[in-house]
Each structure stands twice: as C-alpha cells, then as structure tokens.
N, C-alpha and C. Protein backbone atom coordinates (compact mmCIF):
# COMPACT_ATOMS: atom_id res chain seq x y z
N MET A 1 -1.06 57.70 -10.85
CA MET A 1 -1.58 57.46 -12.19
C MET A 1 -1.08 58.56 -13.10
N THR A 2 -0.60 58.18 -14.27
CA THR A 2 -0.12 59.16 -15.23
C THR A 2 -1.14 59.28 -16.34
N GLY A 3 -1.06 60.40 -17.04
CA GLY A 3 -1.98 60.63 -18.13
C GLY A 3 -1.68 59.68 -19.29
N GLY A 4 -2.64 59.42 -20.08
CA GLY A 4 -2.42 58.54 -21.20
C GLY A 4 -3.66 58.45 -22.05
N LYS A 5 -3.50 57.80 -23.15
CA LYS A 5 -4.62 57.62 -24.05
C LYS A 5 -5.26 56.27 -23.79
N ILE A 6 -6.47 56.13 -24.22
CA ILE A 6 -7.18 54.87 -24.03
C ILE A 6 -6.41 53.73 -24.66
N GLY A 7 -5.76 53.97 -25.75
CA GLY A 7 -5.04 52.92 -26.45
C GLY A 7 -3.82 52.40 -25.71
N ASP A 8 -3.21 53.18 -24.84
CA ASP A 8 -2.00 52.70 -24.16
C ASP A 8 -2.29 52.24 -22.72
N GLY A 9 -3.52 51.92 -22.41
CA GLY A 9 -3.87 51.37 -21.10
C GLY A 9 -4.21 52.41 -20.06
N GLY A 10 -4.22 53.69 -20.41
CA GLY A 10 -4.53 54.75 -19.45
C GLY A 10 -5.92 54.62 -18.87
N PHE A 11 -6.88 54.30 -19.70
CA PHE A 11 -8.27 54.18 -19.23
C PHE A 11 -8.41 52.99 -18.29
N GLU A 12 -7.84 51.86 -18.66
CA GLU A 12 -7.91 50.66 -17.82
C GLU A 12 -7.20 50.91 -16.48
N ALA A 13 -6.07 51.62 -16.51
CA ALA A 13 -5.35 51.92 -15.28
C ALA A 13 -6.19 52.83 -14.38
N ALA A 14 -6.88 53.78 -15.00
CA ALA A 14 -7.74 54.68 -14.22
C ALA A 14 -8.88 53.90 -13.57
N ILE A 15 -9.47 52.99 -14.32
CA ILE A 15 -10.56 52.16 -13.78
C ILE A 15 -10.05 51.34 -12.60
N ARG A 16 -8.89 50.70 -12.75
CA ARG A 16 -8.31 49.90 -11.66
C ARG A 16 -8.03 50.78 -10.44
N HIS A 17 -7.50 51.96 -10.68
CA HIS A 17 -7.20 52.89 -9.59
C HIS A 17 -8.48 53.24 -8.82
N PHE A 18 -9.54 53.57 -9.53
CA PHE A 18 -10.79 53.93 -8.86
C PHE A 18 -11.43 52.73 -8.17
N GLN A 19 -11.27 51.54 -8.72
CA GLN A 19 -11.76 50.34 -8.05
C GLN A 19 -11.02 50.10 -6.73
N GLU A 20 -9.70 50.32 -6.76
CA GLU A 20 -8.90 50.17 -5.53
C GLU A 20 -9.31 51.21 -4.49
N LEU A 21 -9.53 52.45 -4.94
CA LEU A 21 -9.99 53.50 -4.02
C LEU A 21 -11.35 53.14 -3.42
N ASN A 22 -12.24 52.65 -4.25
CA ASN A 22 -13.57 52.27 -3.79
C ASN A 22 -13.48 51.16 -2.74
N LYS A 23 -12.63 50.17 -2.99
CA LYS A 23 -12.45 49.07 -2.04
C LYS A 23 -11.89 49.60 -0.72
N SER A 24 -10.90 50.46 -0.80
CA SER A 24 -10.27 51.02 0.39
C SER A 24 -11.28 51.84 1.20
N MET A 25 -12.07 52.65 0.52
CA MET A 25 -13.07 53.47 1.22
C MET A 25 -14.15 52.60 1.83
N SER A 26 -14.53 51.52 1.16
CA SER A 26 -15.53 50.60 1.71
C SER A 26 -15.00 49.93 2.98
N GLU A 27 -13.73 49.56 2.97
CA GLU A 27 -13.12 48.95 4.16
C GLU A 27 -13.06 49.95 5.31
N GLN A 28 -12.70 51.19 5.00
CA GLN A 28 -12.65 52.22 6.04
C GLN A 28 -14.03 52.50 6.60
N LEU A 29 -15.04 52.48 5.76
CA LEU A 29 -16.42 52.69 6.20
C LEU A 29 -16.85 51.58 7.16
N GLU A 30 -16.47 50.35 6.88
CA GLU A 30 -16.81 49.23 7.76
C GLU A 30 -16.14 49.39 9.13
N VAL A 31 -14.89 49.86 9.13
CA VAL A 31 -14.18 50.09 10.39
C VAL A 31 -14.90 51.18 11.18
N LEU A 32 -15.29 52.25 10.52
CA LEU A 32 -15.99 53.34 11.20
C LEU A 32 -17.35 52.89 11.73
N LYS A 33 -18.06 52.06 10.98
CA LYS A 33 -19.34 51.54 11.46
C LYS A 33 -19.15 50.68 12.70
N ALA A 34 -18.12 49.86 12.71
CA ALA A 34 -17.83 49.02 13.88
C ALA A 34 -17.48 49.89 15.08
N LEU A 35 -16.72 50.94 14.86
CA LEU A 35 -16.37 51.87 15.93
C LEU A 35 -17.62 52.54 16.48
N ARG A 36 -18.48 53.00 15.60
CA ARG A 36 -19.73 53.64 16.03
C ARG A 36 -20.59 52.67 16.83
N ASP A 37 -20.71 51.45 16.35
CA ASP A 37 -21.50 50.44 17.06
C ASP A 37 -20.92 50.16 18.44
N ASP A 38 -19.59 50.10 18.52
CA ASP A 38 -18.95 49.84 19.81
C ASP A 38 -19.21 50.98 20.78
N VAL A 39 -19.04 52.21 20.32
CA VAL A 39 -19.27 53.38 21.18
C VAL A 39 -20.75 53.44 21.58
N ASP A 40 -21.64 53.18 20.64
CA ASP A 40 -23.07 53.23 20.95
C ASP A 40 -23.48 52.16 21.96
N SER A 41 -22.75 51.07 22.03
CA SER A 41 -23.12 50.00 22.94
C SER A 41 -22.48 50.14 24.32
N MET A 42 -21.57 51.10 24.48
CA MET A 42 -20.89 51.27 25.76
C MET A 42 -21.85 51.81 26.81
N GLU A 43 -21.76 51.25 28.01
CA GLU A 43 -22.52 51.73 29.17
C GLU A 43 -21.58 51.77 30.36
N THR A 44 -21.78 52.74 31.22
CA THR A 44 -21.02 52.84 32.46
C THR A 44 -22.01 53.10 33.58
N THR A 45 -21.97 52.26 34.60
CA THR A 45 -22.87 52.44 35.75
C THR A 45 -22.04 52.72 36.99
N VAL A 46 -22.42 53.76 37.71
CA VAL A 46 -21.77 54.14 38.96
C VAL A 46 -22.84 54.23 40.04
N THR A 47 -22.51 53.71 41.21
CA THR A 47 -23.40 53.76 42.36
C THR A 47 -22.68 54.49 43.49
N ASP A 48 -23.41 55.36 44.19
CA ASP A 48 -22.78 56.08 45.30
C ASP A 48 -22.37 55.10 46.40
N VAL A 49 -21.51 55.53 47.30
CA VAL A 49 -20.94 54.64 48.32
C VAL A 49 -22.01 54.05 49.24
N GLN A 50 -23.10 54.74 49.43
CA GLN A 50 -24.17 54.23 50.29
C GLN A 50 -25.10 53.28 49.55
N GLY A 51 -24.99 53.25 48.24
CA GLY A 51 -25.84 52.38 47.44
C GLY A 51 -27.23 52.94 47.21
N HIS A 52 -27.40 54.24 47.42
CA HIS A 52 -28.72 54.86 47.27
C HIS A 52 -29.03 55.31 45.84
N VAL A 53 -28.01 55.75 45.13
CA VAL A 53 -28.20 56.30 43.79
C VAL A 53 -27.30 55.55 42.82
N SER A 54 -27.88 55.12 41.71
CA SER A 54 -27.14 54.43 40.66
C SER A 54 -27.45 55.11 39.34
N VAL A 55 -26.40 55.45 38.61
CA VAL A 55 -26.55 56.15 37.33
C VAL A 55 -25.86 55.35 36.24
N THR A 56 -26.56 55.14 35.13
CA THR A 56 -25.98 54.50 33.96
C THR A 56 -25.87 55.55 32.86
N VAL A 57 -24.65 55.67 32.31
CA VAL A 57 -24.38 56.62 31.25
C VAL A 57 -24.12 55.84 29.97
N VAL A 58 -24.64 56.35 28.86
CA VAL A 58 -24.52 55.68 27.56
C VAL A 58 -23.93 56.64 26.54
N ARG A 59 -23.57 56.08 25.40
CA ARG A 59 -23.06 56.79 24.23
C ARG A 59 -22.11 57.94 24.57
N ASP A 60 -22.55 59.15 24.34
CA ASP A 60 -21.69 60.33 24.51
C ASP A 60 -21.84 60.98 25.88
N GLY A 61 -22.29 60.21 26.86
CA GLY A 61 -22.42 60.75 28.21
C GLY A 61 -23.85 61.02 28.63
N GLU A 62 -24.80 60.61 27.79
CA GLU A 62 -26.20 60.81 28.16
C GLU A 62 -26.58 59.87 29.30
N ILE A 63 -27.52 60.28 30.11
CA ILE A 63 -28.00 59.43 31.20
C ILE A 63 -28.97 58.41 30.60
N GLY A 64 -28.61 57.14 30.75
CA GLY A 64 -29.47 56.06 30.24
C GLY A 64 -30.42 55.56 31.31
N ALA A 65 -30.00 55.66 32.58
CA ALA A 65 -30.85 55.22 33.69
C ALA A 65 -30.43 55.93 34.96
N LEU A 66 -31.40 56.20 35.79
CA LEU A 66 -31.18 56.78 37.11
C LEU A 66 -32.06 56.02 38.08
N ASP A 67 -31.41 55.30 38.98
CA ASP A 67 -32.14 54.51 39.97
C ASP A 67 -31.90 55.10 41.35
N ILE A 68 -32.99 55.36 42.06
CA ILE A 68 -32.92 55.91 43.40
C ILE A 68 -33.60 54.94 44.34
N ALA A 69 -32.84 54.45 45.31
CA ALA A 69 -33.39 53.50 46.29
C ALA A 69 -34.35 54.25 47.22
N PRO A 70 -35.40 53.58 47.68
CA PRO A 70 -36.35 54.22 48.61
C PRO A 70 -35.66 54.82 49.83
N ALA A 71 -34.60 54.20 50.32
CA ALA A 71 -33.89 54.71 51.48
C ALA A 71 -33.26 56.07 51.20
N ALA A 72 -33.00 56.37 49.94
CA ALA A 72 -32.38 57.65 49.59
C ALA A 72 -33.30 58.82 49.88
N LEU A 73 -34.58 58.59 49.87
CA LEU A 73 -35.54 59.67 50.11
C LEU A 73 -35.40 60.25 51.51
N LYS A 74 -34.84 59.48 52.42
CA LYS A 74 -34.62 59.96 53.78
C LYS A 74 -33.51 60.99 53.85
N GLN A 75 -32.76 61.14 52.77
CA GLN A 75 -31.65 62.09 52.73
C GLN A 75 -32.13 63.54 52.64
N GLY A 76 -33.38 63.71 52.30
CA GLY A 76 -33.94 65.07 52.20
C GLY A 76 -33.21 65.90 51.16
N GLU A 77 -32.81 67.10 51.57
CA GLU A 77 -32.17 68.04 50.64
C GLU A 77 -30.80 67.57 50.17
N ALA A 78 -30.21 66.62 50.85
CA ALA A 78 -28.90 66.10 50.45
C ALA A 78 -29.01 65.17 49.23
N LEU A 79 -30.23 64.75 48.91
CA LEU A 79 -30.42 63.83 47.78
C LEU A 79 -30.05 64.48 46.45
N GLY A 80 -30.44 65.71 46.24
CA GLY A 80 -30.13 66.40 44.97
C GLY A 80 -28.65 66.43 44.68
N PRO A 81 -27.84 66.94 45.62
CA PRO A 81 -26.39 66.95 45.38
C PRO A 81 -25.81 65.54 45.20
N LEU A 82 -26.36 64.55 45.90
CA LEU A 82 -25.88 63.17 45.76
C LEU A 82 -26.15 62.66 44.34
N ILE A 83 -27.31 62.96 43.81
CA ILE A 83 -27.65 62.57 42.44
C ILE A 83 -26.71 63.26 41.46
N THR A 84 -26.54 64.57 41.63
CA THR A 84 -25.67 65.34 40.74
C THR A 84 -24.23 64.81 40.78
N GLU A 85 -23.74 64.53 41.97
CA GLU A 85 -22.38 64.01 42.12
C GLU A 85 -22.22 62.64 41.45
N THR A 86 -23.21 61.79 41.63
CA THR A 86 -23.15 60.45 41.04
C THR A 86 -23.22 60.52 39.52
N ILE A 87 -24.03 61.41 39.00
CA ILE A 87 -24.09 61.60 37.54
C ILE A 87 -22.73 62.06 37.02
N GLY A 88 -22.13 63.04 37.69
CA GLY A 88 -20.82 63.54 37.27
C GLY A 88 -19.75 62.45 37.28
N LYS A 89 -19.76 61.62 38.33
CA LYS A 89 -18.78 60.53 38.40
C LYS A 89 -19.01 59.52 37.28
N ALA A 90 -20.27 59.21 37.01
CA ALA A 90 -20.58 58.24 35.95
C ALA A 90 -20.15 58.77 34.59
N GLN A 91 -20.42 60.05 34.33
CA GLN A 91 -20.04 60.62 33.05
C GLN A 91 -18.52 60.68 32.91
N ALA A 92 -17.82 61.08 33.97
CA ALA A 92 -16.35 61.15 33.90
C ALA A 92 -15.75 59.76 33.67
N GLU A 93 -16.26 58.76 34.38
CA GLU A 93 -15.75 57.40 34.20
C GLU A 93 -16.04 56.89 32.79
N HIS A 94 -17.24 57.21 32.29
CA HIS A 94 -17.62 56.77 30.94
C HIS A 94 -16.69 57.38 29.89
N ILE A 95 -16.43 58.67 30.02
CA ILE A 95 -15.55 59.35 29.05
C ILE A 95 -14.14 58.78 29.13
N GLU A 96 -13.68 58.49 30.35
CA GLU A 96 -12.35 57.91 30.52
C GLU A 96 -12.28 56.51 29.89
N ARG A 97 -13.30 55.70 30.13
CA ARG A 97 -13.32 54.36 29.54
C ARG A 97 -13.34 54.43 28.02
N ARG A 98 -14.13 55.34 27.48
CA ARG A 98 -14.21 55.48 26.03
C ARG A 98 -12.87 55.93 25.47
N ALA A 99 -12.20 56.86 26.16
CA ALA A 99 -10.89 57.33 25.70
C ALA A 99 -9.85 56.22 25.77
N ASP A 100 -9.93 55.37 26.80
CA ASP A 100 -9.01 54.24 26.90
C ASP A 100 -9.25 53.24 25.79
N ARG A 101 -10.51 53.04 25.46
CA ARG A 101 -10.89 52.07 24.44
C ARG A 101 -10.65 52.59 23.03
N HIS A 102 -10.88 53.89 22.85
CA HIS A 102 -10.75 54.51 21.52
C HIS A 102 -10.03 55.84 21.67
N PRO A 103 -8.70 55.80 21.82
CA PRO A 103 -7.94 57.05 22.05
C PRO A 103 -8.13 58.09 20.95
N ASP A 104 -8.43 57.65 19.74
CA ASP A 104 -8.62 58.58 18.64
C ASP A 104 -9.88 59.41 18.78
N MET A 105 -10.78 59.03 19.71
CA MET A 105 -12.03 59.77 19.90
C MET A 105 -11.97 60.67 21.13
N ALA A 106 -10.85 60.69 21.82
CA ALA A 106 -10.75 61.48 23.06
C ALA A 106 -10.73 62.96 22.77
C-alpha cells in the first residue's frame, strides 16, 4: 500500500487492505483452532506385554487413564516399575504420533 490522499483512493485502498488482512487472520485462526481440537482429542493407549497395566495418554502427554488388572497385584514390588515403564512407553508413543500427525508441533 502506498501513501495517498483520501481523494485519490488511498483511504479506500487502506480499508480493502485491512479487510483482506482481517480475512486472512480469521482463516488462520480457524486452522489453529482445528489443530488445537485435533491435538486435544488425541489419545494413545499402551498395555504391557502381560496385559496387566494399561495407560492412556492425552493432549500433551498427561495420563488420562491408568488401568491395573487384579492379577497385576501379584507382581508385588515389580508392579511400580511396570507402571512407570508403561507410562513412559505410552507418552513416547503419543509424542511420536503427534509429531507424525503435526510435524510443525514437534
């Protein structure tokens, strides 16, 4: 946009320019909202090989669910590390899936 007086169309050109910017920013905002909704709806569930512990990770890696089968209680002190390991695997897989889906957020 070049400078000008109201009489030579400068004001109208400025108004059109700002309307185009507003439209472009509105479109970009809609894309960002869709991206946020997609990321917020992502879930990743991982279950250990024995099927005793299942972890669901949501959004940015938060634990959305932790399910422990009654049989897992027989593991005694090994249960804690199994839970921790399963959480780590679920979070790593979730982050990888999100990066594959939205490389710009990796």
